């Protein structure tokens, strides 16, 4: 029996498809996340973006507020930390949010916390 892997990430990552817009080097891309956390996202693009490229990011989060779902946009800046060729075509990129306001990070945490078991929730701190 394999031992259980322990999560090394400080912030939980969830697999969710969320609308994502990226601006890099004069190009604009519309895609969706494959997974997201408070500090980054993973997505697919048809164009190659090299690692260490600085980008502007906008992700749309459907958050439950007062019993209703409301789309909340989170804007920040990030850097591409990994680019992988996708066998089916295009590229998968990992983005680290290196310039994000704490209020924006908290919105992502609020969204992610909707999907986590209550026992795994820990106070959000930075």
C-alpha atoms as a PDB file:
ATOM      1  CA  UNK A   1       0.000   0.000   0.000  1.00  0.00           C
ATOM      2  CA  UNK A   2       1.344   3.399  -0.988  1.00  0.00           C
ATOM      3  CA  UNK A   3       1.657   6.023   1.731  1.00  0.00           C
ATOM      4  CA  UNK A   4      -0.650   9.001   1.336  1.00  0.00           C
ATOM      5  CA  UNK A   5       0.978  12.018  -0.288  1.00  0.00           C
ATOM      6  CA  UNK A   6       1.011  15.053   1.921  1.00  0.00           C
ATOM      7  CA  UNK A   7       0.106  18.383   0.411  1.00  0.00           C
ATOM      8  CA  UNK A   8       3.167  20.604   0.313  1.00  0.00           C
ATOM      9  CA  UNK A   9       1.377  23.676  -0.946  1.00  0.00           C
ATOM     10  CA  UNK A  10       0.580  26.407   1.534  1.00  0.00           C
ATOM     11  CA  UNK A  11      -2.675  27.233  -0.255  1.00  0.00           C
ATOM     12  CA  UNK A  12      -5.146  24.580  -1.479  1.00  0.00           C
ATOM     13  CA  UNK A  13      -5.486  24.099  -5.227  1.00  0.00           C
ATOM     14  CA  UNK A  14      -8.764  22.990  -6.758  1.00  0.00           C
ATOM     15  CA  UNK A  15      -9.575  21.712 -10.230  1.00  0.00           C
ATOM     16  CA  UNK A  16     -12.119  24.135 -11.658  1.00  0.00           C
ATOM     17  CA  UNK A  17     -12.730  25.586 -15.098  1.00  0.00           C
ATOM     18  CA  UNK A  18     -12.991  29.326 -14.661  1.00  0.00           C
ATOM     19  CA  UNK A  19     -12.936  32.014 -17.378  1.00  0.00           C
ATOM     20  CA  UNK A  20      -9.427  33.434 -17.600  1.00  0.00           C
ATOM     21  CA  UNK A  21      -8.036  36.332 -19.618  1.00  0.00           C
ATOM     22  CA  UNK A  22      -4.316  36.820 -20.081  1.00  0.00           C
ATOM     23  CA  UNK A  23      -2.434  39.748 -21.610  1.00  0.00           C
ATOM     24  CA  UNK A  24       1.215  39.197 -22.524  1.00  0.00           C
ATOM     25  CA  UNK A  25       3.585  41.022 -24.841  1.00  0.00           C
ATOM     26  CA  UNK A  26       0.785  42.796 -26.722  1.00  0.00           C
ATOM     27  CA  UNK A  27      -1.346  39.649 -27.127  1.00  0.00           C
ATOM     28  CA  UNK A  28      -4.671  38.942 -25.410  1.00  0.00           C
ATOM     29  CA  UNK A  29      -5.828  35.392 -24.713  1.00  0.00           C
ATOM     30  CA  UNK A  30      -9.157  34.056 -23.497  1.00  0.00           C
ATOM     31  CA  UNK A  31      -9.028  30.587 -21.951  1.00  0.00           C
ATOM     32  CA  UNK A  32     -10.109  28.802 -18.793  1.00  0.00           C
ATOM     33  CA  UNK A  33      -8.276  27.480 -15.784  1.00  0.00           C
ATOM     34  CA  UNK A  34      -7.650  23.790 -15.271  1.00  0.00           C
ATOM     35  CA  UNK A  35      -6.900  24.449 -11.620  1.00  0.00           C
ATOM     36  CA  UNK A  36      -6.516  27.479  -9.393  1.00  0.00           C
ATOM     37  CA  UNK A  37      -5.201  28.509  -5.983  1.00  0.00           C
ATOM     38  CA  UNK A  38      -4.696  31.787  -4.158  1.00  0.00           C
ATOM     39  CA  UNK A  39      -1.216  32.064  -5.617  1.00  0.00           C
ATOM     40  CA  UNK A  40      -1.571  30.774  -9.149  1.00  0.00           C
ATOM     41  CA  UNK A  41      -3.402  29.000 -11.934  1.00  0.00           C
ATOM     42  CA  UNK A  42      -2.827  26.373 -14.595  1.00  0.00           C
ATOM     43  CA  UNK A  43      -4.362  26.727 -18.058  1.00  0.00           C
ATOM     44  CA  UNK A  44      -4.099  25.826 -21.745  1.00  0.00           C
ATOM     45  CA  UNK A  45      -3.139  28.223 -24.553  1.00  0.00           C
ATOM     46  CA  UNK A  46      -2.680  27.772 -28.277  1.00  0.00           C
ATOM     47  CA  UNK A  47       0.329  30.118 -28.361  1.00  0.00           C
ATOM     48  CA  UNK A  48       3.676  29.530 -26.689  1.00  0.00           C
ATOM     49  CA  UNK A  49       4.488  31.873 -23.826  1.00  0.00           C
ATOM     50  CA  UNK A  50       8.002  31.340 -22.486  1.00  0.00           C
ATOM     51  CA  UNK A  51       8.695  30.895 -18.776  1.00  0.00           C
ATOM     52  CA  UNK A  52       9.452  34.111 -16.861  1.00  0.00           C
ATOM     53  CA  UNK A  53       7.097  36.136 -19.091  1.00  0.00           C
ATOM     54  CA  UNK A  54       5.219  38.759 -17.076  1.00  0.00           C
ATOM     55  CA  UNK A  55       1.473  38.753 -17.712  1.00  0.00           C
ATOM     56  CA  UNK A  56      -1.727  40.494 -16.657  1.00  0.00           C
ATOM     57  CA  UNK A  57      -4.462  38.126 -15.470  1.00  0.00           C
ATOM     58  CA  UNK A  58      -8.202  38.398 -14.963  1.00  0.00           C
ATOM     59  CA  UNK A  59     -10.149  35.419 -13.627  1.00  0.00           C
ATOM     60  CA  UNK A  60     -13.910  35.353 -13.105  1.00  0.00           C
ATOM     61  CA  UNK A  61     -15.142  33.609  -9.950  1.00  0.00           C
ATOM     62  CA  UNK A  62     -18.787  32.604  -9.377  1.00  0.00           C
ATOM     63  CA  UNK A  63     -19.107  33.271  -5.634  1.00  0.00           C
ATOM     64  CA  UNK A  64     -22.188  32.684  -3.479  1.00  0.00           C
ATOM     65  CA  UNK A  65     -23.130  36.005  -1.848  1.00  0.00           C
ATOM     66  CA  UNK A  66     -26.319  36.332   0.183  1.00  0.00           C
ATOM     67  CA  UNK A  67     -27.715  33.143  -1.321  1.00  0.00           C
ATOM     68  CA  UNK A  68     -27.057  34.182  -4.928  1.00  0.00           C
ATOM     69  CA  UNK A  69     -24.217  33.411  -7.300  1.00  0.00           C
ATOM     70  CA  UNK A  70     -22.380  36.543  -8.364  1.00  0.00           C
ATOM     71  CA  UNK A  71     -19.504  36.690 -10.871  1.00  0.00           C
ATOM     72  CA  UNK A  72     -16.553  38.414  -9.236  1.00  0.00           C
ATOM     73  CA  UNK A  73     -13.555  39.444 -11.331  1.00  0.00           C
ATOM     74  CA  UNK A  74     -10.086  39.192  -9.848  1.00  0.00           C
ATOM     75  CA  UNK A  75      -7.296  41.100 -11.550  1.00  0.00           C
ATOM     76  CA  UNK A  76      -3.614  40.706 -10.843  1.00  0.00           C
ATOM     77  CA  UNK A  77      -0.217  40.282 -12.440  1.00  0.00           C
ATOM     78  CA  UNK A  78       1.666  37.058 -12.709  1.00  0.00           C
ATOM     79  CA  UNK A  79       4.635  35.340 -14.223  1.00  0.00           C
ATOM     80  CA  UNK A  80       4.687  32.155 -16.283  1.00  0.00           C
ATOM     81  CA  UNK A  81       6.671  29.651 -14.234  1.00  0.00           C
ATOM     82  CA  UNK A  82       6.253  26.605 -16.483  1.00  0.00           C
ATOM     83  CA  UNK A  83       5.266  25.954 -20.100  1.00  0.00           C
ATOM     84  CA  UNK A  84       4.564  22.414 -21.278  1.00  0.00           C
ATOM     85  CA  UNK A  85       3.807  21.096 -24.781  1.00  0.00           C
ATOM     86  CA  UNK A  86       0.374  19.493 -24.899  1.00  0.00           C
ATOM     87  CA  UNK A  87       0.198  16.300 -26.973  1.00  0.00           C
ATOM     88  CA  UNK A  88      -3.174  17.371 -28.408  1.00  0.00           C
ATOM     89  CA  UNK A  89      -1.711  20.717 -29.494  1.00  0.00           C
ATOM     90  CA  UNK A  90      -1.019  23.994 -27.763  1.00  0.00           C
ATOM     91  CA  UNK A  91       0.645  24.545 -24.417  1.00  0.00           C
ATOM     92  CA  UNK A  92      -0.193  24.226 -20.749  1.00  0.00           C
ATOM     93  CA  UNK A  93       1.153  27.039 -18.602  1.00  0.00           C
ATOM     94  CA  UNK A  94       1.536  27.463 -14.877  1.00  0.00           C
ATOM     95  CA  UNK A  95       1.159  31.040 -13.650  1.00  0.00           C
ATOM     96  CA  UNK A  96       2.330  32.401 -10.306  1.00  0.00           C
ATOM     97  CA  UNK A  97       0.445  35.493  -9.115  1.00  0.00           C
ATOM     98  CA  UNK A  98       3.392  37.666  -8.103  1.00  0.00           C
ATOM     99  CA  UNK A  99       1.507  40.981  -7.856  1.00  0.00           C
ATOM    100  CA  UNK A 100      -1.933  40.539  -6.348  1.00  0.00           C
ATOM    101  CA  UNK A 101      -3.698  42.728  -3.814  1.00  0.00           C
ATOM    102  CA  UNK A 102      -4.632  40.995  -0.601  1.00  0.00           C
ATOM    103  CA  UNK A 103      -8.310  41.823  -1.208  1.00  0.00           C
ATOM    104  CA  UNK A 104      -8.126  39.991  -4.554  1.00  0.00           C
ATOM    105  CA  UNK A 105      -6.339  36.995  -2.998  1.00  0.00           C
ATOM    106  CA  UNK A 106      -9.091  36.798  -0.357  1.00  0.00           C
ATOM    107  CA  UNK A 107     -11.742  36.615  -3.094  1.00  0.00           C
ATOM    108  CA  UNK A 108      -9.978  33.591  -4.569  1.00  0.00           C
ATOM    109  CA  UNK A 109      -9.752  32.021  -1.094  1.00  0.00           C
ATOM    110  CA  UNK A 110     -13.477  32.612  -0.554  1.00  0.00           C
ATOM    111  CA  UNK A 111     -14.214  30.870  -3.850  1.00  0.00           C
ATOM    112  CA  UNK A 112     -11.926  27.909  -3.118  1.00  0.00           C
ATOM    113  CA  UNK A 113     -13.268  27.478   0.415  1.00  0.00           C
ATOM    114  CA  UNK A 114     -16.718  26.705  -1.053  1.00  0.00           C
ATOM    115  CA  UNK A 115     -15.278  23.385  -2.307  1.00  0.00           C
ATOM    116  CA  UNK A 116     -13.140  22.283   0.628  1.00  0.00           C
ATOM    117  CA  UNK A 117     -14.362  20.003   3.402  1.00  0.00           C
ATOM    118  CA  UNK A 118     -15.018  22.074   6.499  1.00  0.00           C
ATOM    119  CA  UNK A 119     -12.460  20.056   8.486  1.00  0.00           C
ATOM    120  CA  UNK A 120      -9.646  21.083   6.120  1.00  0.00           C
ATOM    121  CA  UNK A 121     -10.318  24.803   6.359  1.00  0.00           C
ATOM    122  CA  UNK A 122      -7.714  26.758   8.200  1.00  0.00           C
ATOM    123  CA  UNK A 123      -7.688  30.465   8.805  1.00  0.00           C
ATOM    124  CA  UNK A 124      -6.567  32.381   5.749  1.00  0.00           C
ATOM    125  CA  UNK A 125      -3.389  34.247   6.488  1.00  0.00           C
ATOM    126  CA  UNK A 126      -0.588  35.732   4.497  1.00  0.00           C
END
